[in-house]
Amino acid sequence: MSNIGVLAVIGLIVIVIALVAWIGVTIRASRNPTLSGARGKGSKRGDNTGGVVRGSPAQVNRRDEVPPSD
């Protein structure tokens, strides 16, 4: 087997391991999305009441017309 063949086999194995790990992490996260491993309880996120999250008024884009400059 040549050097390129060995690298291709190693690369394929690394890709398969990464894919299996990614699928496993995704499945675990979908089953327990808020569990904290250190404390064993859900994280404190507060109530989700919906609606629009508004930031600082200083960061809002102006929507009025720009005055002409000379």
N, C-alpha and C. Protein backbone atom coordinates (compact mmCIF):
# COMPACT_ATOMS: atom_id res chain seq x y z
N MET A 1 0.85 -1.18 0.00
CA MET A 1 0.00 0.00 0.00
C MET A 1 0.90 1.24 0.00
N SER A 2 0.56 2.19 -0.81
CA SER A 2 1.40 3.38 -0.91
C SER A 2 1.08 4.35 0.22
N ASN A 3 1.89 5.39 0.30
CA ASN A 3 1.71 6.42 1.32
C ASN A 3 0.36 7.11 1.17
N ILE A 4 -0.04 7.39 -0.06
CA ILE A 4 -1.31 8.06 -0.30
C ILE A 4 -2.47 7.14 0.10
N GLY A 5 -2.36 5.86 -0.14
CA GLY A 5 -3.41 4.92 0.25
C GLY A 5 -3.58 4.85 1.75
N VAL A 6 -2.47 4.88 2.48
CA VAL A 6 -2.53 4.85 3.95
C VAL A 6 -3.19 6.12 4.47
N LEU A 7 -2.82 7.26 3.90
CA LEU A 7 -3.41 8.53 4.34
C LEU A 7 -4.91 8.58 4.00
N ALA A 8 -5.30 7.99 2.88
CA ALA A 8 -6.72 7.96 2.52
C ALA A 8 -7.51 7.12 3.52
N VAL A 9 -6.97 5.99 3.93
CA VAL A 9 -7.66 5.13 4.90
C VAL A 9 -7.74 5.83 6.25
N ILE A 10 -6.66 6.46 6.67
CA ILE A 10 -6.67 7.18 7.96
C ILE A 10 -7.66 8.34 7.90
N GLY A 11 -7.68 9.05 6.78
CA GLY A 11 -8.61 10.16 6.62
C GLY A 11 -10.05 9.70 6.67
N LEU A 12 -10.34 8.59 6.01
CA LEU A 12 -11.69 8.04 6.02
C LEU A 12 -12.11 7.63 7.43
N ILE A 13 -11.22 7.03 8.17
CA ILE A 13 -11.52 6.63 9.56
C ILE A 13 -11.79 7.85 10.42
N VAL A 14 -10.99 8.91 10.26
CA VAL A 14 -11.19 10.14 11.04
C VAL A 14 -12.54 10.77 10.70
N ILE A 15 -12.91 10.78 9.43
CA ILE A 15 -14.19 11.36 9.02
C ILE A 15 -15.35 10.56 9.60
N VAL A 16 -15.26 9.24 9.58
CA VAL A 16 -16.34 8.39 10.12
C VAL A 16 -16.47 8.60 11.63
N ILE A 17 -15.35 8.67 12.34
CA ILE A 17 -15.39 8.90 13.79
C ILE A 17 -16.01 10.25 14.11
N ALA A 18 -15.64 11.29 13.35
CA ALA A 18 -16.19 12.62 13.58
C ALA A 18 -17.69 12.63 13.29
N LEU A 19 -18.12 11.95 12.26
CA LEU A 19 -19.55 11.89 11.92
C LEU A 19 -20.34 11.17 13.00
N VAL A 20 -19.84 10.06 13.50
CA VAL A 20 -20.51 9.32 14.56
C VAL A 20 -20.58 10.17 15.84
N ALA A 21 -19.50 10.85 16.17
CA ALA A 21 -19.49 11.71 17.37
C ALA A 21 -20.49 12.85 17.22
N TRP A 22 -20.55 13.47 16.03
CA TRP A 22 -21.48 14.58 15.80
C TRP A 22 -22.92 14.11 15.92
N ILE A 23 -23.25 12.96 15.36
CA ILE A 23 -24.61 12.43 15.47
C ILE A 23 -24.94 12.11 16.92
N GLY A 24 -24.00 11.53 17.65
CA GLY A 24 -24.23 11.22 19.06
C GLY A 24 -24.47 12.46 19.91
N VAL A 25 -23.68 13.48 19.70
CA VAL A 25 -23.84 14.72 20.47
C VAL A 25 -25.17 15.39 20.12
N THR A 26 -25.55 15.37 18.84
CA THR A 26 -26.81 15.97 18.41
C THR A 26 -28.00 15.25 19.04
N ILE A 27 -27.97 13.92 19.07
CA ILE A 27 -29.07 13.16 19.67
C ILE A 27 -29.13 13.41 21.17
N ARG A 28 -27.99 13.44 21.83
CA ARG A 28 -27.98 13.69 23.28
C ARG A 28 -28.50 15.09 23.60
N ALA A 29 -28.12 16.07 22.80
CA ALA A 29 -28.58 17.44 23.05
C ALA A 29 -30.07 17.59 22.79
N SER A 30 -30.60 16.86 21.84
CA SER A 30 -32.04 16.98 21.56
C SER A 30 -32.87 16.32 22.66
N ARG A 31 -32.32 15.34 23.33
CA ARG A 31 -33.08 14.67 24.40
C ARG A 31 -33.02 15.44 25.71
N ASN A 32 -31.91 16.07 26.04
CA ASN A 32 -31.74 16.81 27.29
C ASN A 32 -31.17 18.19 27.01
N PRO A 33 -31.97 19.13 26.50
CA PRO A 33 -31.41 20.41 26.08
C PRO A 33 -31.01 21.34 27.22
N THR A 34 -31.59 21.19 28.42
CA THR A 34 -31.29 22.15 29.48
C THR A 34 -30.60 21.53 30.68
N LEU A 35 -30.15 20.30 30.59
CA LEU A 35 -29.52 19.67 31.74
C LEU A 35 -28.11 20.20 31.95
N SER A 36 -27.78 20.47 33.18
CA SER A 36 -26.43 20.87 33.53
C SER A 36 -25.74 19.66 34.15
N GLY A 37 -24.65 19.23 33.57
CA GLY A 37 -23.98 18.04 34.05
C GLY A 37 -23.38 18.20 35.43
N ALA A 38 -22.94 19.41 35.78
CA ALA A 38 -22.29 19.64 37.07
C ALA A 38 -23.30 19.64 38.21
N ARG A 39 -24.48 20.17 37.97
CA ARG A 39 -25.45 20.30 39.06
C ARG A 39 -26.59 19.31 38.96
N GLY A 40 -26.78 18.72 37.79
CA GLY A 40 -27.84 17.74 37.64
C GLY A 40 -29.23 18.32 37.60
N LYS A 41 -29.37 19.60 37.29
CA LYS A 41 -30.69 20.22 37.20
C LYS A 41 -30.70 21.17 36.02
N GLY A 42 -31.87 21.61 35.65
CA GLY A 42 -32.01 22.51 34.52
C GLY A 42 -31.41 23.87 34.80
N SER A 43 -30.94 24.50 33.76
CA SER A 43 -30.36 25.83 33.93
C SER A 43 -31.46 26.86 34.10
N LYS A 44 -31.14 27.96 34.81
CA LYS A 44 -32.10 29.01 35.06
C LYS A 44 -32.13 29.94 33.85
N ARG A 45 -33.18 29.84 33.08
CA ARG A 45 -33.31 30.68 31.90
C ARG A 45 -34.46 31.66 32.03
N GLY A 46 -35.26 31.53 33.03
CA GLY A 46 -36.40 32.42 33.19
C GLY A 46 -37.57 32.01 32.32
N ASP A 47 -38.64 32.77 32.42
CA ASP A 47 -39.84 32.47 31.64
C ASP A 47 -39.66 32.95 30.21
N ASN A 48 -40.16 32.17 29.28
CA ASN A 48 -40.15 32.56 27.89
C ASN A 48 -41.54 33.08 27.56
N THR A 49 -41.65 34.41 27.50
CA THR A 49 -42.95 35.01 27.25
C THR A 49 -43.14 35.38 25.79
N GLY A 50 -42.13 35.20 24.98
CA GLY A 50 -42.25 35.53 23.56
C GLY A 50 -42.14 37.02 23.31
N GLY A 51 -42.39 37.41 22.10
CA GLY A 51 -42.33 38.82 21.76
C GLY A 51 -41.00 39.21 21.16
N VAL A 52 -40.78 40.51 21.05
CA VAL A 52 -39.59 41.04 20.41
C VAL A 52 -38.60 41.47 21.47
N VAL A 53 -37.34 41.07 21.29
CA VAL A 53 -36.30 41.50 22.21
C VAL A 53 -35.77 42.83 21.71
N ARG A 54 -35.82 43.84 22.55
CA ARG A 54 -35.38 45.17 22.15
C ARG A 54 -34.05 45.50 22.83
N GLY A 55 -33.15 46.04 22.07
CA GLY A 55 -31.84 46.40 22.59
C GLY A 55 -31.80 47.84 23.06
N SER A 56 -30.62 48.36 23.15
CA SER A 56 -30.42 49.73 23.58
C SER A 56 -30.95 50.69 22.53
N PRO A 57 -31.64 51.77 22.93
CA PRO A 57 -32.11 52.76 21.96
C PRO A 57 -30.96 53.41 21.17
N ALA A 58 -29.77 53.42 21.75
CA ALA A 58 -28.63 54.00 21.06
C ALA A 58 -28.19 53.16 19.87
N GLN A 59 -28.60 51.91 19.82
CA GLN A 59 -28.19 51.03 18.73
C GLN A 59 -29.26 50.87 17.65
N VAL A 60 -30.36 51.58 17.77
CA VAL A 60 -31.44 51.48 16.79
C VAL A 60 -31.09 52.32 15.57
N ASN A 61 -31.31 51.77 14.39
CA ASN A 61 -31.05 52.53 13.16
C ASN A 61 -32.12 53.59 12.97
N ARG A 62 -31.70 54.74 12.48
CA ARG A 62 -32.65 55.81 12.19
C ARG A 62 -33.39 55.50 10.91
N ARG A 63 -34.68 55.84 10.90
CA ARG A 63 -35.48 55.57 9.72
C ARG A 63 -36.04 56.86 9.11
N ASP A 64 -35.66 57.99 9.67
CA ASP A 64 -36.13 59.25 9.09
C ASP A 64 -35.24 59.66 7.92
N GLU A 65 -35.70 60.64 7.18
CA GLU A 65 -34.97 61.07 5.99
C GLU A 65 -33.73 61.87 6.39
N VAL A 66 -32.67 61.65 5.67
CA VAL A 66 -31.40 62.34 5.95
C VAL A 66 -31.48 63.73 5.35
N PRO A 67 -31.13 64.75 6.16
CA PRO A 67 -31.18 66.12 5.60
C PRO A 67 -30.09 66.29 4.52
N PRO A 68 -30.41 67.02 3.45
CA PRO A 68 -29.42 67.20 2.39
C PRO A 68 -28.25 68.04 2.87
N SER A 69 -27.06 67.69 2.41
CA SER A 69 -25.87 68.45 2.80
C SER A 69 -25.39 69.25 1.59
N ASP A 70 -24.77 70.40 1.85
CA ASP A 70 -24.27 71.25 0.76
C ASP A 70 -22.93 70.83 0.28
